[in-house]
N, C-alpha and C. Protein backbone atom coordinates (compact mmCIF):
# COMPACT_ATOMS: atom_id res chain seq x y z
N MET A 1 63.12 -164.19 86.13
CA MET A 1 63.44 -164.01 84.73
C MET A 1 63.59 -162.51 84.45
N ILE A 2 64.64 -162.12 83.74
CA ILE A 2 64.83 -160.72 83.34
C ILE A 2 63.86 -160.41 82.22
N SER A 3 63.15 -159.29 82.35
CA SER A 3 62.14 -158.94 81.36
C SER A 3 62.49 -157.70 80.54
N GLY A 4 63.61 -157.05 80.82
CA GLY A 4 63.99 -155.86 80.07
C GLY A 4 65.24 -155.25 80.65
N ALA A 5 65.59 -154.08 80.16
CA ALA A 5 66.75 -153.34 80.65
C ALA A 5 66.38 -151.87 80.75
N HIS A 6 66.95 -151.18 81.70
CA HIS A 6 66.75 -149.75 81.86
C HIS A 6 68.12 -149.09 81.76
N VAL A 7 68.29 -148.24 80.76
CA VAL A 7 69.55 -147.56 80.51
C VAL A 7 69.45 -146.16 81.09
N MET A 8 70.50 -145.69 81.76
CA MET A 8 70.52 -144.34 82.33
C MET A 8 71.68 -143.55 81.75
N ILE A 9 71.42 -142.30 81.42
CA ILE A 9 72.45 -141.37 80.98
C ILE A 9 72.57 -140.32 82.08
N PHE A 10 73.77 -140.15 82.61
CA PHE A 10 74.00 -139.12 83.61
C PHE A 10 74.59 -137.90 82.90
N THR A 11 74.08 -136.71 83.24
CA THR A 11 74.43 -135.51 82.51
C THR A 11 74.41 -134.28 83.41
N ARG A 12 75.05 -133.24 82.97
CA ARG A 12 75.05 -131.97 83.69
C ARG A 12 73.84 -131.11 83.30
N ASP A 13 73.14 -131.50 82.22
CA ASP A 13 71.97 -130.72 81.78
C ASP A 13 70.88 -131.67 81.31
N GLU A 14 70.17 -132.26 82.26
CA GLU A 14 69.18 -133.29 81.91
C GLU A 14 68.04 -132.75 81.06
N ASP A 15 67.60 -131.51 81.29
CA ASP A 15 66.50 -130.97 80.49
C ASP A 15 66.90 -130.86 79.01
N ALA A 16 68.10 -130.34 78.75
CA ALA A 16 68.55 -130.20 77.36
C ALA A 16 68.75 -131.56 76.70
N ASP A 17 69.34 -132.52 77.43
CA ASP A 17 69.56 -133.84 76.85
C ASP A 17 68.24 -134.57 76.62
N ARG A 18 67.29 -134.43 77.54
CA ARG A 18 65.98 -135.06 77.35
C ARG A 18 65.30 -134.51 76.11
N ALA A 19 65.31 -133.19 75.94
CA ALA A 19 64.69 -132.58 74.77
C ALA A 19 65.39 -133.00 73.48
N PHE A 20 66.73 -133.09 73.50
CA PHE A 20 67.49 -133.50 72.33
C PHE A 20 67.12 -134.92 71.92
N LEU A 21 67.08 -135.82 72.88
CA LEU A 21 66.73 -137.22 72.58
C LEU A 21 65.31 -137.34 72.07
N ARG A 22 64.40 -136.54 72.61
CA ARG A 22 63.00 -136.57 72.17
C ARG A 22 62.83 -135.88 70.82
N ASP A 23 63.34 -134.65 70.68
CA ASP A 23 63.02 -133.80 69.54
C ASP A 23 63.95 -133.96 68.35
N VAL A 24 65.22 -134.23 68.58
CA VAL A 24 66.18 -134.36 67.50
C VAL A 24 66.39 -135.81 67.12
N VAL A 25 66.74 -136.63 68.10
CA VAL A 25 66.96 -138.05 67.81
C VAL A 25 65.64 -138.75 67.51
N GLY A 26 64.55 -138.26 68.11
CA GLY A 26 63.22 -138.79 67.79
C GLY A 26 62.83 -140.04 68.54
N ILE A 27 63.35 -140.20 69.74
CA ILE A 27 63.02 -141.39 70.52
C ILE A 27 61.68 -141.15 71.23
N PRO A 28 60.68 -142.00 71.00
CA PRO A 28 59.39 -141.84 71.68
C PRO A 28 59.56 -141.94 73.19
N CYS A 29 58.78 -141.15 73.92
CA CYS A 29 58.90 -141.16 75.37
C CYS A 29 57.57 -140.79 76.03
N ILE A 30 57.53 -141.03 77.31
CA ILE A 30 56.39 -140.61 78.13
C ILE A 30 56.94 -139.84 79.33
N ASP A 31 56.10 -139.02 79.92
CA ASP A 31 56.46 -138.31 81.14
C ASP A 31 55.58 -138.85 82.26
N PRO A 32 56.12 -139.75 83.09
CA PRO A 32 55.31 -140.29 84.18
C PRO A 32 55.11 -139.30 85.31
N GLY A 33 55.71 -138.11 85.18
CA GLY A 33 55.55 -137.07 86.18
C GLY A 33 56.84 -136.34 86.46
N GLY A 34 56.76 -135.04 86.63
CA GLY A 34 57.91 -134.24 87.00
C GLY A 34 58.95 -134.03 85.92
N GLY A 35 58.61 -134.28 84.67
CA GLY A 35 59.57 -134.10 83.59
C GLY A 35 60.59 -135.20 83.43
N TRP A 36 60.42 -136.29 84.17
CA TRP A 36 61.35 -137.42 84.08
C TRP A 36 60.94 -138.30 82.91
N LEU A 37 61.41 -137.97 81.72
CA LEU A 37 61.01 -138.70 80.53
C LEU A 37 61.59 -140.12 80.56
N ILE A 38 60.75 -141.07 80.18
CA ILE A 38 61.16 -142.46 80.00
C ILE A 38 61.02 -142.76 78.51
N TYR A 39 62.11 -143.18 77.90
CA TYR A 39 62.17 -143.38 76.46
C TYR A 39 61.95 -144.85 76.10
N LYS A 40 61.23 -145.05 75.03
CA LYS A 40 61.06 -146.41 74.49
C LYS A 40 62.23 -146.68 73.56
N LEU A 41 63.04 -147.65 73.90
CA LEU A 41 64.18 -147.97 73.06
C LEU A 41 63.83 -149.05 72.05
N PRO A 42 64.52 -149.01 70.91
CA PRO A 42 64.31 -150.05 69.90
C PRO A 42 64.90 -151.38 70.40
N PRO A 43 64.68 -152.45 69.64
CA PRO A 43 65.29 -153.73 70.03
C PRO A 43 66.78 -153.54 70.31
N THR A 44 67.26 -154.23 71.31
CA THR A 44 68.59 -153.97 71.83
C THR A 44 69.41 -155.26 71.89
N GLU A 45 70.70 -155.10 71.74
CA GLU A 45 71.63 -156.20 71.96
C GLU A 45 72.76 -155.69 72.83
N MET A 46 73.53 -156.56 73.42
CA MET A 46 74.61 -156.16 74.30
C MET A 46 75.84 -157.01 74.02
N GLY A 47 76.99 -156.38 74.03
CA GLY A 47 78.25 -157.08 73.90
C GLY A 47 79.11 -156.82 75.12
N VAL A 48 80.03 -157.71 75.42
CA VAL A 48 80.97 -157.54 76.53
C VAL A 48 82.37 -157.52 75.92
N HIS A 49 83.09 -156.43 76.17
CA HIS A 49 84.42 -156.23 75.59
C HIS A 49 85.46 -156.17 76.70
N GLY A 50 86.65 -156.61 76.40
CA GLY A 50 87.75 -156.49 77.35
C GLY A 50 88.21 -155.04 77.44
N GLY A 51 88.80 -154.67 78.55
CA GLY A 51 89.29 -153.31 78.72
C GLY A 51 90.19 -153.21 79.93
N GLU A 52 90.85 -152.07 80.06
CA GLU A 52 91.76 -151.82 81.17
C GLU A 52 91.02 -151.44 82.44
N GLN A 53 89.76 -150.97 82.33
CA GLN A 53 89.00 -150.53 83.50
C GLN A 53 87.66 -151.25 83.55
N ASN A 54 87.18 -151.46 84.75
CA ASN A 54 85.82 -151.97 84.94
C ASN A 54 84.86 -150.78 85.02
N ASP A 55 83.58 -151.07 84.95
CA ASP A 55 82.53 -150.07 85.11
C ASP A 55 82.58 -148.98 84.05
N VAL A 56 82.97 -149.34 82.83
CA VAL A 56 82.94 -148.43 81.69
C VAL A 56 81.90 -148.99 80.73
N HIS A 57 80.92 -148.16 80.38
CA HIS A 57 79.83 -148.59 79.52
C HIS A 57 79.64 -147.56 78.41
N GLN A 58 79.24 -148.00 77.24
CA GLN A 58 78.99 -147.10 76.13
C GLN A 58 77.60 -147.37 75.57
N LEU A 59 76.98 -146.31 75.07
CA LEU A 59 75.67 -146.42 74.44
C LEU A 59 75.82 -146.14 72.96
N TYR A 60 75.44 -147.10 72.15
CA TYR A 60 75.39 -146.96 70.70
C TYR A 60 73.98 -147.27 70.24
N PHE A 61 73.41 -146.40 69.43
CA PHE A 61 72.17 -146.72 68.74
C PHE A 61 72.55 -147.28 67.38
N MET A 62 71.72 -148.15 66.83
CA MET A 62 71.98 -148.78 65.55
C MET A 62 71.02 -148.22 64.50
N CYS A 63 71.48 -148.20 63.25
CA CYS A 63 70.63 -147.77 62.14
C CYS A 63 70.97 -148.61 60.92
N ASP A 64 70.08 -148.62 59.95
CA ASP A 64 70.29 -149.40 58.73
C ASP A 64 71.16 -148.67 57.71
N ASP A 65 71.17 -147.31 57.74
CA ASP A 65 71.91 -146.50 56.77
C ASP A 65 72.52 -145.33 57.52
N LEU A 66 73.80 -145.43 57.85
CA LEU A 66 74.45 -144.41 58.66
C LEU A 66 74.45 -143.05 57.97
N ASP A 67 74.73 -143.01 56.68
CA ASP A 67 74.78 -141.73 55.98
C ASP A 67 73.42 -141.03 56.00
N ALA A 68 72.37 -141.78 55.76
CA ALA A 68 71.02 -141.19 55.76
C ALA A 68 70.64 -140.69 57.15
N GLU A 69 70.98 -141.45 58.18
CA GLU A 69 70.64 -141.03 59.54
C GLU A 69 71.46 -139.82 59.97
N MET A 70 72.73 -139.78 59.58
CA MET A 70 73.54 -138.61 59.89
C MET A 70 72.98 -137.36 59.20
N ALA A 71 72.53 -137.50 57.96
CA ALA A 71 71.94 -136.37 57.24
C ALA A 71 70.65 -135.91 57.92
N ARG A 72 69.82 -136.86 58.35
CA ARG A 72 68.57 -136.50 59.03
C ARG A 72 68.86 -135.75 60.32
N LEU A 73 69.82 -136.25 61.09
CA LEU A 73 70.18 -135.60 62.35
C LEU A 73 70.79 -134.22 62.11
N ALA A 74 71.63 -134.09 61.08
CA ALA A 74 72.23 -132.79 60.75
C ALA A 74 71.16 -131.77 60.40
N ASP A 75 70.13 -132.19 59.68
CA ASP A 75 69.02 -131.29 59.34
C ASP A 75 68.31 -130.76 60.59
N LEU A 76 68.41 -131.51 61.69
CA LEU A 76 67.77 -131.12 62.95
C LEU A 76 68.76 -130.46 63.92
N GLY A 77 69.99 -130.21 63.46
CA GLY A 77 70.96 -129.49 64.26
C GLY A 77 71.99 -130.32 64.99
N ALA A 78 71.96 -131.64 64.84
CA ALA A 78 72.96 -132.49 65.50
C ALA A 78 74.26 -132.46 64.70
N LYS A 79 75.36 -132.51 65.41
CA LYS A 79 76.68 -132.49 64.78
C LYS A 79 77.36 -133.83 65.01
N CYS A 80 77.35 -134.69 64.02
CA CYS A 80 77.97 -136.00 64.12
C CYS A 80 79.46 -135.89 63.83
N SER A 81 80.25 -136.74 64.49
CA SER A 81 81.68 -136.79 64.18
C SER A 81 81.88 -137.46 62.82
N GLU A 82 83.09 -137.35 62.32
CA GLU A 82 83.43 -138.02 61.06
C GLU A 82 83.24 -139.53 61.25
N PRO A 83 82.50 -140.19 60.37
CA PRO A 83 82.29 -141.63 60.55
C PRO A 83 83.60 -142.42 60.36
N PHE A 84 83.66 -143.56 61.03
CA PHE A 84 84.82 -144.42 60.89
C PHE A 84 84.35 -145.85 60.65
N ARG A 85 85.25 -146.65 60.09
CA ARG A 85 84.96 -148.06 59.82
C ARG A 85 85.67 -148.92 60.83
N ALA A 86 85.00 -149.99 61.23
CA ALA A 86 85.58 -151.01 62.10
C ALA A 86 85.11 -152.36 61.58
N SER A 87 85.65 -153.42 62.12
CA SER A 87 85.26 -154.75 61.65
C SER A 87 83.77 -155.01 61.87
N TRP A 88 83.17 -154.33 62.83
CA TRP A 88 81.77 -154.55 63.19
C TRP A 88 80.81 -153.60 62.50
N GLY A 89 81.32 -152.59 61.74
CA GLY A 89 80.43 -151.68 61.02
C GLY A 89 81.02 -150.29 60.87
N ARG A 90 80.16 -149.35 60.49
CA ARG A 90 80.53 -147.93 60.38
C ARG A 90 79.86 -147.19 61.52
N ALA A 91 80.57 -146.20 62.09
CA ALA A 91 80.04 -145.53 63.28
C ALA A 91 80.42 -144.06 63.31
N THR A 92 79.67 -143.33 64.11
CA THR A 92 79.93 -141.92 64.40
C THR A 92 79.58 -141.70 65.87
N SER A 93 79.91 -140.52 66.38
CA SER A 93 79.44 -140.17 67.72
C SER A 93 78.70 -138.84 67.61
N ILE A 94 77.76 -138.65 68.54
CA ILE A 94 76.91 -137.47 68.53
C ILE A 94 76.95 -136.85 69.92
N PRO A 95 77.37 -135.57 70.00
CA PRO A 95 77.41 -134.93 71.31
C PRO A 95 76.00 -134.56 71.79
N LEU A 96 75.80 -134.71 73.09
CA LEU A 96 74.56 -134.26 73.72
C LEU A 96 74.76 -132.84 74.25
N PRO A 97 73.71 -132.05 74.34
CA PRO A 97 73.85 -130.68 74.84
C PRO A 97 74.46 -130.60 76.24
N GLY A 98 74.25 -131.63 77.07
CA GLY A 98 74.78 -131.63 78.43
C GLY A 98 76.26 -131.97 78.54
N GLY A 99 76.91 -132.27 77.41
CA GLY A 99 78.34 -132.53 77.42
C GLY A 99 78.73 -133.97 77.17
N GLY A 100 77.80 -134.90 77.27
CA GLY A 100 78.10 -136.31 76.99
C GLY A 100 78.03 -136.58 75.49
N LYS A 101 78.07 -137.83 75.15
CA LYS A 101 77.92 -138.23 73.75
C LYS A 101 77.42 -139.66 73.71
N PHE A 102 76.89 -140.03 72.56
CA PHE A 102 76.51 -141.42 72.33
C PHE A 102 76.94 -141.79 70.93
N GLY A 103 77.02 -143.09 70.69
CA GLY A 103 77.43 -143.58 69.38
C GLY A 103 76.23 -143.95 68.53
N LEU A 104 76.45 -143.94 67.24
CA LEU A 104 75.47 -144.38 66.26
C LEU A 104 76.21 -145.22 65.24
N TYR A 105 75.71 -146.42 64.97
CA TYR A 105 76.42 -147.22 63.99
C TYR A 105 75.50 -148.07 63.13
N GLU A 106 76.05 -148.40 61.97
CA GLU A 106 75.42 -149.30 61.00
C GLU A 106 76.13 -150.63 61.14
N PRO A 107 75.48 -151.62 61.79
CA PRO A 107 76.17 -152.88 62.07
C PRO A 107 76.47 -153.67 60.79
N ARG A 108 77.62 -154.33 60.82
CA ARG A 108 78.01 -155.24 59.75
C ARG A 108 78.32 -156.61 60.31
N HIS A 109 77.87 -156.88 61.52
CA HIS A 109 78.13 -158.16 62.17
C HIS A 109 76.82 -158.97 62.24
N ALA A 110 76.96 -160.24 62.50
CA ALA A 110 75.77 -161.07 62.69
C ALA A 110 75.02 -160.56 63.91
N ARG A 111 73.71 -160.59 63.83
CA ARG A 111 72.89 -160.07 64.93
C ARG A 111 71.96 -161.15 65.44
N PRO A 112 71.75 -161.17 66.78
CA PRO A 112 70.88 -162.21 67.36
C PRO A 112 69.42 -162.02 66.98
């Protein structure tokens, strides 16, 4: 039986991205040793979408109020992209210091 999921972010600057996720985004974490932070993620859901390529994955965090969360992150130095609307909700993207990015959205779809 599957008991959980482990998400990995690959980056060119793991120390900066780890600190950003801990200090700016505010994700609780532990250091089991050597600075390898393991983050506690909120309840998660997964969707499977069609695409032209295999092995493409995206990370989106969800929030109840996108505008409020964008304002909170901006106060901490994060620069969110201009939000957009889709059939499934409103979303933005947030760059990580290491050069990657992740999504943040306010869902408007039925949730399990």
